[in-house]
Amino acid sequence: MLHNALGWTFYLFGYEFLFRGILFVPLVLSMGFWPATAVNIALYSATHIPKGLEETIGAAILGLALCWLTALTGTIWIAFLVHVAMALSNSFTALKYNPQMTIK
């Protein structure tokens, strides 16, 4: 469980640093909130296409929320924490309700 949690944490830090830190913040400064958000959502949701339509649509909605949180707070940390909380709750819920999953 520790490896899983650390893996998600490091992975999602890079993800949020890329999408909200490197991409979103500079675009907001040059284009404004809505155009930067549209570009961010398009790219962010596109990365979720291989996981299916439902996840892609969910990523678009979450992308909007994370862009809004980043713009509101001026930092990627809140978006990062929200993303990690979602990933870990998903992992722990799957572990609890899927009898084929075990802790090693």
C-alpha atoms as a PDB file:
ATOM      1  CA  MET A   1       0.000   0.000   0.000  1.00  0.00           C
ATOM      2  CA  LEU A   2       2.872   2.337   0.754  1.00  0.00           C
ATOM      3  CA  HIS A   3       4.441   1.735  -2.671  1.00  0.00           C
ATOM      4  CA  ASN A   4       1.081   2.346  -4.318  1.00  0.00           C
ATOM      5  CA  ALA A   5       0.510   5.582  -2.407  1.00  0.00           C
ATOM      6  CA  LEU A   6       4.032   6.859  -3.055  1.00  0.00           C
ATOM      7  CA  GLY A   7       3.805   5.889  -6.707  1.00  0.00           C
ATOM      8  CA  TRP A   8       0.575   7.826  -7.165  1.00  0.00           C
ATOM      9  CA  THR A   9       1.947  10.789  -5.231  1.00  0.00           C
ATOM     10  CA  PHE A  10       5.122  11.122  -7.308  1.00  0.00           C
ATOM     11  CA  TYR A  11       3.307  10.449 -10.575  1.00  0.00           C
ATOM     12  CA  LEU A  12       0.573  12.983  -9.891  1.00  0.00           C
ATOM     13  CA  PHE A  13       3.028  15.619  -8.741  1.00  0.00           C
ATOM     14  CA  GLY A  14       4.660  15.416 -12.164  1.00  0.00           C
ATOM     15  CA  TYR A  15       1.258  15.392 -13.839  1.00  0.00           C
ATOM     16  CA  GLU A  16       0.023  18.478 -12.000  1.00  0.00           C
ATOM     17  CA  PHE A  17       3.366  20.230 -12.381  1.00  0.00           C
ATOM     18  CA  LEU A  18       3.122  19.697 -16.140  1.00  0.00           C
ATOM     19  CA  PHE A  19      -0.559  20.464 -16.726  1.00  0.00           C
ATOM     20  CA  ARG A  20      -1.202  23.201 -14.158  1.00  0.00           C
ATOM     21  CA  GLY A  21       2.306  24.524 -13.476  1.00  0.00           C
ATOM     22  CA  ILE A  22       4.144  24.483 -16.796  1.00  0.00           C
ATOM     23  CA  LEU A  23       1.164  24.666 -19.153  1.00  0.00           C
ATOM     24  CA  PHE A  24      -1.711  26.433 -17.417  1.00  0.00           C
ATOM     25  CA  VAL A  25      -0.090  29.211 -15.400  1.00  0.00           C
ATOM     26  CA  PRO A  26       1.959  30.716 -18.273  1.00  0.00           C
ATOM     27  CA  LEU A  27      -1.037  30.470 -20.614  1.00  0.00           C
ATOM     28  CA  VAL A  28      -3.252  32.304 -18.125  1.00  0.00           C
ATOM     29  CA  LEU A  29      -0.699  35.102 -17.995  1.00  0.00           C
ATOM     30  CA  SER A  30      -0.539  35.396 -21.777  1.00  0.00           C
ATOM     31  CA  MET A  31      -4.072  34.407 -22.910  1.00  0.00           C
ATOM     32  CA  GLY A  32      -6.365  34.818 -19.936  1.00  0.00           C
ATOM     33  CA  PHE A  33      -8.242  32.281 -17.847  1.00  0.00           C
ATOM     34  CA  TRP A  34     -10.795  30.858 -20.293  1.00  0.00           C
ATOM     35  CA  PRO A  35      -8.525  30.317 -23.314  1.00  0.00           C
ATOM     36  CA  ALA A  36      -5.833  28.802 -21.072  1.00  0.00           C
ATOM     37  CA  THR A  37      -8.432  26.575 -19.437  1.00  0.00           C
ATOM     38  CA  ALA A  38      -9.754  25.421 -22.808  1.00  0.00           C
ATOM     39  CA  VAL A  39      -6.261  24.457 -23.989  1.00  0.00           C
ATOM     40  CA  ASN A  40      -5.525  22.730 -20.694  1.00  0.00           C
ATOM     41  CA  ILE A  41      -8.774  20.761 -20.667  1.00  0.00           C
ATOM     42  CA  ALA A  42      -8.316  19.678 -24.281  1.00  0.00           C
ATOM     43  CA  LEU A  43      -4.826  18.316 -23.623  1.00  0.00           C
ATOM     44  CA  TYR A  44      -5.609  16.912 -20.181  1.00  0.00           C
ATOM     45  CA  SER A  45      -8.743  15.084 -21.284  1.00  0.00           C
ATOM     46  CA  ALA A  46      -6.948  13.813 -24.419  1.00  0.00           C
ATOM     47  CA  THR A  47      -4.478  11.976 -22.191  1.00  0.00           C
ATOM     48  CA  HIS A  48      -7.431  10.058 -20.738  1.00  0.00           C
ATOM     49  CA  ILE A  49      -8.886   8.908 -24.092  1.00  0.00           C
ATOM     50  CA  PRO A  50      -7.264   5.443 -23.837  1.00  0.00           C
ATOM     51  CA  LYS A  51      -9.221   4.882 -20.610  1.00  0.00           C
ATOM     52  CA  GLY A  52     -12.586   5.327 -22.340  1.00  0.00           C
ATOM     53  CA  LEU A  53     -15.217   7.968 -22.957  1.00  0.00           C
ATOM     54  CA  GLU A  54     -16.480   8.181 -19.367  1.00  0.00           C
ATOM     55  CA  GLU A  55     -13.003   8.833 -17.975  1.00  0.00           C
ATOM     56  CA  THR A  56     -12.271  11.338 -20.750  1.00  0.00           C
ATOM     57  CA  ILE A  57     -15.432  13.305 -19.945  1.00  0.00           C
ATOM     58  CA  GLY A  58     -14.658  13.071 -16.228  1.00  0.00           C
ATOM     59  CA  ALA A  59     -11.147  14.359 -16.898  1.00  0.00           C
ATOM     60  CA  ALA A  60     -12.581  17.359 -18.741  1.00  0.00           C
ATOM     61  CA  ILE A  61     -14.790  18.201 -15.760  1.00  0.00           C
ATOM     62  CA  LEU A  62     -11.989  17.600 -13.260  1.00  0.00           C
ATOM     63  CA  GLY A  63      -9.619  19.594 -15.474  1.00  0.00           C
ATOM     64  CA  LEU A  64     -11.938  22.591 -15.273  1.00  0.00           C
ATOM     65  CA  ALA A  65     -12.115  22.296 -11.485  1.00  0.00           C
ATOM     66  CA  LEU A  66      -8.338  21.933 -11.132  1.00  0.00           C
ATOM     67  CA  CYS A  67      -7.682  24.916 -13.407  1.00  0.00           C
ATOM     68  CA  TRP A  68     -10.148  26.974 -11.397  1.00  0.00           C
ATOM     69  CA  LEU A  69      -8.513  25.914  -8.101  1.00  0.00           C
ATOM     70  CA  THR A  70      -5.069  26.725  -9.482  1.00  0.00           C
ATOM     71  CA  ALA A  71      -6.163  30.165 -10.664  1.00  0.00           C
ATOM     72  CA  LEU A  72      -8.015  30.853  -7.413  1.00  0.00           C
ATOM     73  CA  THR A  73      -5.154  29.868  -5.113  1.00  0.00           C
ATOM     74  CA  GLY A  74      -2.188  30.791  -7.316  1.00  0.00           C
ATOM     75  CA  THR A  75      -0.569  27.417  -6.674  1.00  0.00           C
ATOM     76  CA  ILE A  76      -0.707  23.870  -8.002  1.00  0.00           C
ATOM     77  CA  TRP A  77      -0.689  22.336  -4.502  1.00  0.00           C
ATOM     78  CA  ILE A  78      -4.464  22.258  -4.030  1.00  0.00           C
ATOM     79  CA  ALA A  79      -4.962  20.657  -7.464  1.00  0.00           C
ATOM     80  CA  PHE A  80      -2.222  18.173  -6.619  1.00  0.00           C
ATOM     81  CA  LEU A  81      -3.793  17.240  -3.273  1.00  0.00           C
ATOM     82  CA  VAL A  82      -7.252  16.836  -4.833  1.00  0.00           C
ATOM     83  CA  HIS A  83      -5.808  14.604  -7.558  1.00  0.00           C
ATOM     84  CA  VAL A  84      -3.866  12.461  -5.055  1.00  0.00           C
ATOM     85  CA  ALA A  85      -6.906  12.147  -2.789  1.00  0.00           C
ATOM     86  CA  MET A  86      -8.988  10.910  -5.729  1.00  0.00           C
ATOM     87  CA  ALA A  87      -6.350   8.402  -6.852  1.00  0.00           C
ATOM     88  CA  LEU A  88      -5.747   6.995  -3.382  1.00  0.00           C
ATOM     89  CA  SER A  89      -9.439   6.752  -2.540  1.00  0.00           C
ATOM     90  CA  ASN A  90      -9.956   4.896  -5.812  1.00  0.00           C
ATOM     91  CA  SER A  91      -7.104   2.502  -5.023  1.00  0.00           C
ATOM     92  CA  PHE A  92      -8.259   1.830  -1.477  1.00  0.00           C
ATOM     93  CA  THR A  93     -11.893   1.404  -2.551  1.00  0.00           C
ATOM     94  CA  ALA A  94     -10.841  -1.100  -5.221  1.00  0.00           C
ATOM     95  CA  LEU A  95      -8.769  -2.958  -2.641  1.00  0.00           C
ATOM     96  CA  LYS A  96     -11.684  -3.114  -0.224  1.00  0.00           C
ATOM     97  CA  TYR A  97     -14.360  -4.237  -2.693  1.00  0.00           C
ATOM     98  CA  ASN A  98     -12.381  -6.418  -5.116  1.00  0.00           C
ATOM     99  CA  PRO A  99     -11.687  -9.794  -3.525  1.00  0.00           C
ATOM    100  CA  GLN A 100      -9.062 -10.564  -6.169  1.00  0.00           C
ATOM    101  CA  MET A 101      -6.870  -7.701  -4.943  1.00  0.00           C
ATOM    102  CA  THR A 102      -4.623  -8.364  -1.975  1.00  0.00           C
ATOM    103  CA  ILE A 103      -1.974  -6.519  -0.011  1.00  0.00           C
ATOM    104  CA  LYS A 104       1.520  -7.937  -0.339  1.00  0.00           C
END
